[in-house]
Amino acid sequence: MNANAAQLDRIIRMGEVIARGGITAAGMDVLLLAHDARDHGVDEVVIDVLVDESAPAVVRERAFGRVASALVSAMARRSGVSPVPELSSPAAAMS
């Protein structure tokens, strides 16, 4: 498994944890995601919202979606490889 695939797997698992237990259930993973996102140049404002424990949970959860999406896109741009190859073409998305 390459680094992009491992990061994508972590993001997916984190999303599942958040879906079941809310953003607070993700704990330290939120900070790790924020660190990775900063390293990849994701918008600092959205990252700050994600890690702000005083922000409403729903706002932080939306920030998670934005940060995760931007991070996956940034990783794909850097590697030149789609992190989700089965969705890389409209025909594949329809099957």
PDB file of N, CA and C in Angstrom:
ATOM      1  N   MET A   1       0.853  -1.173   0.000  1.00  0.00           N
ATOM      2  CA  MET A   1       0.000   0.000   0.000  1.00  0.00           C
ATOM      3  C   MET A   1       0.899   1.236   0.000  1.00  0.00           C
ATOM      4  N   ASN A   2       0.658   2.153  -0.956  1.00  0.00           N
ATOM      5  CA  ASN A   2       1.473   3.359  -0.996  1.00  0.00           C
ATOM      6  C   ASN A   2       0.983   4.369   0.027  1.00  0.00           C
ATOM      7  N   ALA A   3       1.743   5.463   0.186  1.00  0.00           N
ATOM      8  CA  ALA A   3       1.411   6.466   1.206  1.00  0.00           C
ATOM      9  C   ALA A   3       0.039   7.089   0.960  1.00  0.00           C
ATOM     10  N   ASN A   4      -0.290   7.389  -0.314  1.00  0.00           N
ATOM     11  CA  ASN A   4      -1.595   7.971  -0.608  1.00  0.00           C
ATOM     12  C   ASN A   4      -2.729   7.022  -0.245  1.00  0.00           C
ATOM     13  N   ALA A   5      -2.564   5.762  -0.560  1.00  0.00           N
ATOM     14  CA  ALA A   5      -3.604   4.778  -0.247  1.00  0.00           C
ATOM     15  C   ALA A   5      -3.760   4.633   1.262  1.00  0.00           C
ATOM     16  N   ALA A   6      -2.657   4.653   1.986  1.00  0.00           N
ATOM     17  CA  ALA A   6      -2.722   4.549   3.443  1.00  0.00           C
ATOM     18  C   ALA A   6      -3.414   5.775   4.035  1.00  0.00           C
ATOM     19  N   GLN A   7      -3.094   6.966   3.526  1.00  0.00           N
ATOM     20  CA  GLN A   7      -3.736   8.185   4.026  1.00  0.00           C
ATOM     21  C   GLN A   7      -5.224   8.174   3.705  1.00  0.00           C
ATOM     22  N   LEU A   8      -5.580   7.759   2.506  1.00  0.00           N
ATOM     23  CA  LEU A   8      -6.994   7.678   2.126  1.00  0.00           C
ATOM     24  C   LEU A   8      -7.734   6.697   3.030  1.00  0.00           C
ATOM     25  N   ASP A   9      -7.111   5.578   3.334  1.00  0.00           N
ATOM     26  CA  ASP A   9      -7.728   4.598   4.229  1.00  0.00           C
ATOM     27  C   ASP A   9      -7.953   5.200   5.608  1.00  0.00           C
ATOM     28  N   ARG A  10      -6.973   5.953   6.124  1.00  0.00           N
ATOM     29  CA  ARG A  10      -7.122   6.600   7.436  1.00  0.00           C
ATOM     30  C   ARG A  10      -8.258   7.611   7.417  1.00  0.00           C
ATOM     31  N   ILE A  11      -8.378   8.381   6.341  1.00  0.00           N
ATOM     32  CA  ILE A  11      -9.446   9.376   6.224  1.00  0.00           C
ATOM     33  C   ILE A  11     -10.811   8.690   6.197  1.00  0.00           C
ATOM     34  N   ILE A  12     -10.922   7.611   5.452  1.00  0.00           N
ATOM     35  CA  ILE A  12     -12.187   6.872   5.378  1.00  0.00           C
ATOM     36  C   ILE A  12     -12.560   6.328   6.755  1.00  0.00           C
ATOM     37  N   ARG A  13     -11.598   5.711   7.443  1.00  0.00           N
ATOM     38  CA  ARG A  13     -11.878   5.175   8.778  1.00  0.00           C
ATOM     39  C   ARG A  13     -12.259   6.289   9.746  1.00  0.00           C
ATOM     40  N   MET A  14     -11.599   7.430   9.628  1.00  0.00           N
ATOM     41  CA  MET A  14     -11.916   8.562  10.486  1.00  0.00           C
ATOM     42  C   MET A  14     -13.335   9.051  10.219  1.00  0.00           C
ATOM     43  N   GLY A  15     -13.718   9.110   8.960  1.00  0.00           N
ATOM     44  CA  GLY A  15     -15.082   9.499   8.608  1.00  0.00           C
ATOM     45  C   GLY A  15     -16.111   8.552   9.199  1.00  0.00           C
ATOM     46  N   GLU A  16     -15.799   7.269   9.208  1.00  0.00           N
ATOM     47  CA  GLU A  16     -16.710   6.289   9.792  1.00  0.00           C
ATOM     48  C   GLU A  16     -16.840   6.484  11.305  1.00  0.00           C
ATOM     49  N   VAL A  17     -15.724   6.771  11.965  1.00  0.00           N
ATOM     50  CA  VAL A  17     -15.744   7.037  13.406  1.00  0.00           C
ATOM     51  C   VAL A  17     -16.583   8.274  13.700  1.00  0.00           C
ATOM     52  N   ILE A  18     -16.399   9.327  12.904  1.00  0.00           N
ATOM     53  CA  ILE A  18     -17.147  10.568  13.091  1.00  0.00           C
ATOM     54  C   ILE A  18     -18.635  10.327  12.836  1.00  0.00           C
ATOM     55  N   ALA A  19     -18.956   9.542  11.827  1.00  0.00           N
ATOM     56  CA  ALA A  19     -20.366   9.253  11.526  1.00  0.00           C
ATOM     57  C   ALA A  19     -21.045   8.527  12.687  1.00  0.00           C
ATOM     58  N   ARG A  20     -20.306   7.643  13.354  1.00  0.00           N
ATOM     59  CA  ARG A  20     -20.888   6.877  14.468  1.00  0.00           C
ATOM     60  C   ARG A  20     -20.918   7.662  15.776  1.00  0.00           C
ATOM     61  N   GLY A  21     -19.836   8.381  16.066  1.00  0.00           N
ATOM     62  CA  GLY A  21     -19.714   8.976  17.397  1.00  0.00           C
ATOM     63  C   GLY A  21     -19.497  10.471  17.443  1.00  0.00           C
ATOM     64  N   GLY A  22     -19.519  11.126  16.291  1.00  0.00           N
ATOM     65  CA  GLY A  22     -19.280  12.566  16.264  1.00  0.00           C
ATOM     66  C   GLY A  22     -17.794  12.902  16.214  1.00  0.00           C
ATOM     67  N   ILE A  23     -17.512  14.164  16.003  1.00  0.00           N
ATOM     68  CA  ILE A  23     -16.134  14.621  15.822  1.00  0.00           C
ATOM     69  C   ILE A  23     -15.274  14.363  17.056  1.00  0.00           C
ATOM     70  N   THR A  24     -15.868  14.427  18.240  1.00  0.00           N
ATOM     71  CA  THR A  24     -15.074  14.208  19.449  1.00  0.00           C
ATOM     72  C   THR A  24     -14.581  12.764  19.557  1.00  0.00           C
ATOM     73  N   ALA A  25     -15.268  11.837  18.912  1.00  0.00           N
ATOM     74  CA  ALA A  25     -14.848  10.439  18.938  1.00  0.00           C
ATOM     75  C   ALA A  25     -13.563  10.207  18.150  1.00  0.00           C
ATOM     76  N   ALA A  26     -13.227  11.130  17.261  1.00  0.00           N
ATOM     77  CA  ALA A  26     -12.030  10.975  16.434  1.00  0.00           C
ATOM     78  C   ALA A  26     -10.755  11.329  17.191  1.00  0.00           C
ATOM     79  N   GLY A  27     -10.885  12.078  18.282  1.00  0.00           N
ATOM     80  CA  GLY A  27      -9.762  12.371  19.170  1.00  0.00           C
ATOM     81  C   GLY A  27      -8.505  12.846  18.481  1.00  0.00           C
ATOM     82  N   MET A  28      -7.415  12.148  18.746  1.00  0.00           N
ATOM     83  CA  MET A  28      -6.094  12.519  18.249  1.00  0.00           C
ATOM     84  C   MET A  28      -6.020  12.482  16.723  1.00  0.00           C
ATOM     85  N   ASP A  29      -6.852  11.673  16.094  1.00  0.00           N
ATOM     86  CA  ASP A  29      -6.840  11.596  14.630  1.00  0.00           C
ATOM     87  C   ASP A  29      -7.137  12.949  13.989  1.00  0.00           C
ATOM     88  N   VAL A  30      -7.938  13.781  14.658  1.00  0.00           N
ATOM     89  CA  VAL A  30      -8.233  15.120  14.139  1.00  0.00           C
ATOM     90  C   VAL A  30      -6.948  15.925  14.039  1.00  0.00           C
ATOM     91  N   LEU A  31      -6.138  15.861  15.085  1.00  0.00           N
ATOM     92  CA  LEU A  31      -4.879  16.613  15.085  1.00  0.00           C
ATOM     93  C   LEU A  31      -3.895  16.077  14.049  1.00  0.00           C
ATOM     94  N   LEU A  32      -3.858  14.769  13.894  1.00  0.00           N
ATOM     95  CA  LEU A  32      -2.972  14.171  12.893  1.00  0.00           C
ATOM     96  C   LEU A  32      -3.404  14.558  11.477  1.00  0.00           C
ATOM     97  N   LEU A  33      -4.710  14.549  11.245  1.00  0.00           N
ATOM     98  CA  LEU A  33      -5.222  14.962   9.938  1.00  0.00           C
ATOM     99  C   LEU A  33      -4.887  16.425   9.681  1.00  0.00           C
ATOM    100  N   ALA A  34      -5.054  17.268  10.697  1.00  0.00           N
ATOM    101  CA  ALA A  34      -4.742  18.688  10.551  1.00  0.00           C
ATOM    102  C   ALA A  34      -3.267  18.882  10.209  1.00  0.00           C
ATOM    103  N   HIS A  35      -2.402  18.126  10.863  1.00  0.00           N
ATOM    104  CA  HIS A  35      -0.960  18.218  10.579  1.00  0.00           C
ATOM    105  C   HIS A  35      -0.666  17.830   9.127  1.00  0.00           C
ATOM    106  N   ASP A  36      -1.227  16.714   8.694  1.00  0.00           N
ATOM    107  CA  ASP A  36      -1.023  16.272   7.310  1.00  0.00           C
ATOM    108  C   ASP A  36      -1.571  17.300   6.321  1.00  0.00           C
ATOM    109  N   ALA A  37      -2.730  17.855   6.638  1.00  0.00           N
ATOM    110  CA  ALA A  37      -3.349  18.844   5.752  1.00  0.00           C
ATOM    111  C   ALA A  37      -2.481  20.089   5.635  1.00  0.00           C
ATOM    112  N   ARG A  38      -1.923  20.546   6.749  1.00  0.00           N
ATOM    113  CA  ARG A  38      -1.030  21.716   6.707  1.00  0.00           C
ATOM    114  C   ARG A  38       0.192  21.419   5.845  1.00  0.00           C
ATOM    115  N   ASP A  39       0.734  20.210   5.986  1.00  0.00           N
ATOM    116  CA  ASP A  39       1.900  19.819   5.179  1.00  0.00           C
ATOM    117  C   ASP A  39       1.600  19.831   3.688  1.00  0.00           C
ATOM    118  N   HIS A  40       0.332  19.631   3.324  1.00  0.00           N
ATOM    119  CA  HIS A  40      -0.060  19.594   1.911  1.00  0.00           C
ATOM    120  C   HIS A  40      -0.670  20.911   1.436  1.00  0.00           C
ATOM    121  N   GLY A  41      -0.631  21.948   2.268  1.00  0.00           N
ATOM    122  CA  GLY A  41      -1.078  23.267   1.836  1.00  0.00           C
ATOM    123  C   GLY A  41      -2.576  23.495   1.849  1.00  0.00           C
ATOM    124  N   VAL A  42      -3.304  22.721   2.630  1.00  0.00           N
ATOM    125  CA  VAL A  42      -4.750  22.913   2.740  1.00  0.00           C
ATOM    126  C   VAL A  42      -5.007  24.225   3.482  1.00  0.00           C
ATOM    127  N   ASP A  43      -6.101  24.887   3.150  1.00  0.00           N
ATOM    128  CA  ASP A  43      -6.483  26.179   3.723  1.00  0.00           C
ATOM    129  C   ASP A  43      -6.438  26.149   5.254  1.00  0.00           C
ATOM    130  N   GLU A  44      -5.621  27.028   5.822  1.00  0.00           N
ATOM    131  CA  GLU A  44      -5.429  27.086   7.273  1.00  0.00           C
ATOM    132  C   GLU A  44      -6.716  27.406   8.030  1.00  0.00           C
ATOM    133  N   VAL A  45      -7.570  28.231   7.458  1.00  0.00           N
ATOM    134  CA  VAL A  45      -8.804  28.620   8.146  1.00  0.00           C
ATOM    135  C   VAL A  45      -9.684  27.401   8.398  1.00  0.00           C
ATOM    136  N   VAL A  46      -9.827  26.554   7.398  1.00  0.00           N
ATOM    137  CA  VAL A  46     -10.670  25.364   7.551  1.00  0.00           C
ATOM    138  C   VAL A  46     -10.025  24.390   8.533  1.00  0.00           C
ATOM    139  N   ILE A  47      -8.719  24.279   8.485  1.00  0.00           N
ATOM    140  CA  ILE A  47      -8.017  23.405   9.435  1.00  0.00           C
ATOM    141  C   ILE A  47      -8.223  23.912  10.862  1.00  0.00           C
ATOM    142  N   ASP A  48      -8.119  25.222  11.041  1.00  0.00           N
ATOM    143  CA  ASP A  48      -8.311  25.799  12.377  1.00  0.00           C
ATOM    144  C   ASP A  48      -9.711  25.499  12.917  1.00  0.00           C
ATOM    145  N   VAL A  49     -10.717  25.548  12.054  1.00  0.00           N
ATOM    146  CA  VAL A  49     -12.082  25.219  12.478  1.00  0.00           C
ATOM    147  C   VAL A  49     -12.151  23.742  12.887  1.00  0.00           C
ATOM    148  N   LEU A  50     -11.524  22.881  12.116  1.00  0.00           N
ATOM    149  CA  LEU A  50     -11.530  21.449  12.417  1.00  0.00           C
ATOM    150  C   LEU A  50     -10.996  21.165  13.817  1.00  0.00           C
ATOM    151  N   VAL A  51      -9.938  21.821  14.213  1.00  0.00           N
ATOM    152  CA  VAL A  51      -9.299  21.519  15.497  1.00  0.00           C
ATOM    153  C   VAL A  51      -9.825  22.362  16.660  1.00  0.00           C
ATOM    154  N   ASP A  52     -10.707  23.309  16.381  1.00  0.00           N
ATOM    155  CA  ASP A  52     -11.237  24.203  17.415  1.00  0.00           C
ATOM    156  C   ASP A  52     -12.289  23.486  18.261  1.00  0.00           C
ATOM    157  N   GLU A  53     -11.894  23.046  19.442  1.00  0.00           N
ATOM    158  CA  GLU A  53     -12.797  22.290  20.307  1.00  0.00           C
ATOM    159  C   GLU A  53     -13.949  23.129  20.849  1.00  0.00           C
ATOM    160  N   SER A  54     -13.854  24.463  20.722  1.00  0.00           N
ATOM    161  CA  SER A  54     -14.959  25.308  21.188  1.00  0.00           C
ATOM    162  C   SER A  54     -16.010  25.536  20.096  1.00  0.00           C
ATOM    163  N   ALA A  55     -15.702  25.134  18.871  1.00  0.00           N
ATOM    164  CA  ALA A  55     -16.656  25.279  17.760  1.00  0.00           C
ATOM    165  C   ALA A  55     -17.733  24.199  17.882  1.00  0.00           C
ATOM    166  N   PRO A  56     -18.950  24.493  17.405  1.00  0.00           N
ATOM    167  CA  PRO A  56     -20.006  23.465  17.427  1.00  0.00           C
ATOM    168  C   PRO A  56     -19.575  22.216  16.645  1.00  0.00           C
ATOM    169  N   ALA A  57     -19.999  21.066  17.126  1.00  0.00           N
ATOM    170  CA  ALA A  57     -19.605  19.795  16.503  1.00  0.00           C
ATOM    171  C   ALA A  57     -19.954  19.746  15.026  1.00  0.00           C
ATOM    172  N   VAL A  58     -21.138  20.223  14.655  1.00  0.00           N
ATOM    173  CA  VAL A  58     -21.545  20.157  13.256  1.00  0.00           C
ATOM    174  C   VAL A  58     -20.623  21.001  12.372  1.00  0.00           C
ATOM    175  N   VAL A  59     -20.136  22.106  12.890  1.00  0.00           N
ATOM    176  CA  VAL A  59     -19.216  22.960  12.129  1.00  0.00           C
ATOM    177  C   VAL A  59     -17.878  22.246  11.955  1.00  0.00           C
ATOM    178  N   ARG A  60     -17.410  21.618  13.010  1.00  0.00           N
ATOM    179  CA  ARG A  60     -16.149  20.873  12.929  1.00  0.00           C
ATOM    180  C   ARG A  60     -16.279  19.674  11.986  1.00  0.00           C
ATOM    181  N   GLU A  61     -17.443  19.026  12.001  1.00  0.00           N
ATOM    182  CA  GLU A  61     -17.659  17.880  11.120  1.00  0.00           C
ATOM    183  C   GLU A  61     -17.678  18.311   9.658  1.00  0.00           C
ATOM    184  N   ARG A  62     -18.275  19.452   9.379  1.00  0.00           N
ATOM    185  CA  ARG A  62     -18.233  19.975   8.011  1.00  0.00           C
ATOM    186  C   ARG A  62     -16.811  20.332   7.626  1.00  0.00           C
ATOM    187  N   ALA A  63     -16.058  20.894   8.565  1.00  0.00           N
ATOM    188  CA  ALA A  63     -14.657  21.222   8.300  1.00  0.00           C
ATOM    189  C   ALA A  63     -13.866  19.949   7.999  1.00  0.00           C
ATOM    190  N   PHE A  64     -14.192  18.860   8.702  1.00  0.00           N
ATOM    191  CA  PHE A  64     -13.533  17.584   8.413  1.00  0.00           C
ATOM    192  C   PHE A  64     -13.732  17.206   6.943  1.00  0.00           C
ATOM    193  N   GLY A  65     -14.964  17.314   6.478  1.00  0.00           N
ATOM    194  CA  GLY A  65     -15.240  16.978   5.081  1.00  0.00           C
ATOM    195  C   GLY A  65     -14.438  17.832   4.121  1.00  0.00           C
ATOM    196  N   ARG A  66     -14.360  19.119   4.395  1.00  0.00           N
ATOM    197  CA  ARG A  66     -13.605  20.031   3.531  1.00  0.00           C
ATOM    198  C   ARG A  66     -12.106  19.729   3.573  1.00  0.00           C
ATOM    199  N   VAL A  67     -11.586  19.519   4.778  1.00  0.00           N
ATOM    200  CA  VAL A  67     -10.154  19.236   4.928  1.00  0.00           C
ATOM    201  C   VAL A  67      -9.807  17.903   4.273  1.00  0.00           C
ATOM    202  N   ALA A  68     -10.600  16.883   4.528  1.00  0.00           N
ATOM    203  CA  ALA A  68     -10.331  15.564   3.957  1.00  0.00           C
ATOM    204  C   ALA A  68     -10.348  15.626   2.431  1.00  0.00           C
ATOM    205  N   SER A  69     -11.338  16.293   1.873  1.00  0.00           N
ATOM    206  CA  SER A  69     -11.440  16.413   0.423  1.00  0.00           C
ATOM    207  C   SER A  69     -10.252  17.171  -0.155  1.00  0.00           C
ATOM    208  N   ALA A  70      -9.895  18.279   0.467  1.00  0.00           N
ATOM    209  CA  ALA A  70      -8.764  19.074  -0.022  1.00  0.00           C
ATOM    210  C   ALA A  70      -7.453  18.309   0.103  1.00  0.00           C
ATOM    211  N   LEU A  71      -7.296  17.554   1.177  1.00  0.00           N
ATOM    212  CA  LEU A  71      -6.077  16.777   1.363  1.00  0.00           C
ATOM    213  C   LEU A  71      -5.960  15.688   0.310  1.00  0.00           C
ATOM    214  N   VAL A  72      -7.026  14.971   0.057  1.00  0.00           N
ATOM    215  CA  VAL A  72      -7.002  13.924  -0.971  1.00  0.00           C
ATOM    216  C   VAL A  72      -6.693  14.534  -2.341  1.00  0.00           C
ATOM    217  N   SER A  73      -7.290  15.673  -2.647  1.00  0.00           N
ATOM    218  CA  SER A  73      -7.009  16.348  -3.921  1.00  0.00           C
ATOM    219  C   SER A  73      -5.553  16.780  -4.012  1.00  0.00           C
ATOM    220  N   ALA A  74      -5.024  17.320  -2.919  1.00  0.00           N
ATOM    221  CA  ALA A  74      -3.622  17.765  -2.905  1.00  0.00           C
ATOM    222  C   ALA A  74      -2.672  16.580  -3.096  1.00  0.00           C
ATOM    223  N   MET A  75      -2.974  15.467  -2.459  1.00  0.00           N
ATOM    224  CA  MET A  75      -2.135  14.277  -2.608  1.00  0.00           C
ATOM    225  C   MET A  75      -2.182  13.781  -4.050  1.00  0.00           C
ATOM    226  N   ALA A  76      -3.345  13.830  -4.661  1.00  0.00           N
ATOM    227  CA  ALA A  76      -3.487  13.375  -6.046  1.00  0.00           C
ATOM    228  C   ALA A  76      -2.698  14.282  -6.989  1.00  0.00           C
ATOM    229  N   ARG A  77      -2.768  15.584  -6.754  1.00  0.00           N
ATOM    230  CA  ARG A  77      -2.008  16.514  -7.604  1.00  0.00           C
ATOM    231  C   ARG A  77      -0.512  16.274  -7.480  1.00  0.00           C
ATOM    232  N   ARG A  78      -0.043  16.070  -6.268  1.00  0.00           N
ATOM    233  CA  ARG A  78       1.397  15.864  -6.051  1.00  0.00           C
ATOM    234  C   ARG A  78       1.889  14.570  -6.669  1.00  0.00           C
ATOM    235  N   SER A  79       1.082  13.532  -6.599  1.00  0.00           N
ATOM    236  CA  SER A  79       1.531  12.234  -7.105  1.00  0.00           C
ATOM    237  C   SER A  79       1.187  12.028  -8.573  1.00  0.00           C
ATOM    238  N   GLY A  80       0.213  12.797  -9.056  1.00  0.00           N
ATOM    239  CA  GLY A  80      -0.221  12.622 -10.437  1.00  0.00           C
ATOM    240  C   GLY A  80      -1.067  11.378 -10.639  1.00  0.00           C
ATOM    241  N   VAL A  81      -1.491  10.766  -9.548  1.00  0.00           N
ATOM    242  CA  VAL A  81      -2.286   9.545  -9.605  1.00  0.00           C
ATOM    243  C   VAL A  81      -3.585   9.782  -8.854  1.00  0.00           C
ATOM    244  N   SER A  82      -4.689   9.365  -9.427  1.00  0.00           N
ATOM    245  CA  SER A  82      -5.968   9.500  -8.749  1.00  0.00           C
ATOM    246  C   SER A  82      -5.971   8.603  -7.521  1.00  0.00           C
ATOM    247  N   PRO A  83      -6.317   9.165  -6.328  1.00  0.00           N
ATOM    248  CA  PRO A  83      -6.340   8.337  -5.125  1.00  0.00           C
ATOM    249  C   PRO A  83      -7.495   7.343  -5.112  1.00  0.00           C
ATOM    250  N   VAL A  84      -8.480   7.556  -5.996  1.00  0.00           N
ATOM    251  CA  VAL A  84      -9.633   6.661  -6.090  1.00  0.00           C
ATOM    252  C   VAL A  84      -9.795   6.295  -7.566  1.00  0.00           C
ATOM    253  N   PRO A  85      -8.949   5.391  -8.065  1.00  0.00           N
ATOM    254  CA  PRO A  85      -8.937   5.114  -9.503  1.00  0.00           C
ATOM    255  C   PRO A  85     -10.269   4.638 -10.066  1.00  0.00           C
ATOM    256  N   GLU A  86     -11.073   3.935  -9.275  1.00  0.00           N
ATOM    257  CA  GLU A  86     -12.326   3.422  -9.806  1.00  0.00           C
ATOM    258  C   GLU A  86     -13.322   4.555 -10.091  1.00  0.00           C
ATOM    259  N   LEU A  87     -13.067   5.745  -9.592  1.00  0.00           N
ATOM    260  CA  LEU A  87     -13.946   6.882  -9.857  1.00  0.00           C
ATOM    261  C   LEU A  87     -13.275   7.910 -10.764  1.00  0.00           C
ATOM    262  N   SER A  88     -12.178   7.556 -11.399  1.00  0.00           N
ATOM    263  CA  SER A  88     -11.439   8.525 -12.187  1.00  0.00           C
ATOM    264  C   SER A  88     -12.052   8.830 -13.545  1.00  0.00           C
ATOM    265  N   SER A  89     -12.998   8.016 -13.995  1.00  0.00           N
ATOM    266  CA  SER A  89     -13.649   8.301 -15.260  1.00  0.00           C
ATOM    267  C   SER A  89     -15.168   8.240 -15.089  1.00  0.00           C
ATOM    268  N   PRO A  90     -15.909   9.047 -15.861  1.00  0.00           N
ATOM    269  CA  PRO A  90     -17.373   9.014 -15.727  1.00  0.00           C
ATOM    270  C   PRO A  90     -17.958   7.628 -15.973  1.00  0.00           C
ATOM    271  N   ALA A  91     -17.385   6.879 -16.915  1.00  0.00           N
ATOM    272  CA  ALA A  91     -17.903   5.535 -17.205  1.00  0.00           C
ATOM    273  C   ALA A  91     -17.735   4.620 -16.009  1.00  0.00           C
ATOM    274  N   ALA A  92     -16.596   4.723 -15.327  1.00  0.00           N
ATOM    275  CA  ALA A  92     -16.349   3.870 -14.154  1.00  0.00           C
ATOM    276  C   ALA A  92     -17.281   4.256 -13.016  1.00  0.00           C
ATOM    277  N   ALA A  93     -17.599   5.539 -12.900  1.00  0.00           N
ATOM    278  CA  ALA A  93     -18.480   5.993 -11.832  1.00  0.00           C
ATOM    279  C   ALA A  93     -19.903   5.494 -12.016  1.00  0.00           C
ATOM    280  N   MET A  94     -20.295   5.209 -13.249  1.00  0.00           N
ATOM    281  CA  MET A  94     -21.642   4.760 -13.537  1.00  0.00           C
ATOM    282  C   MET A  94     -21.832   3.272 -13.297  1.00  0.00           C
ATOM    283  N   SER A  95     -20.733   2.514 -13.189  1.00  0.00           N
ATOM    284  CA  SER A  95     -20.879   1.062 -13.041  1.00  0.00           C
ATOM    285  C   SER A  95     -21.010   0.640 -11.611  1.00  0.00           C
TER     286      SER A  95
END
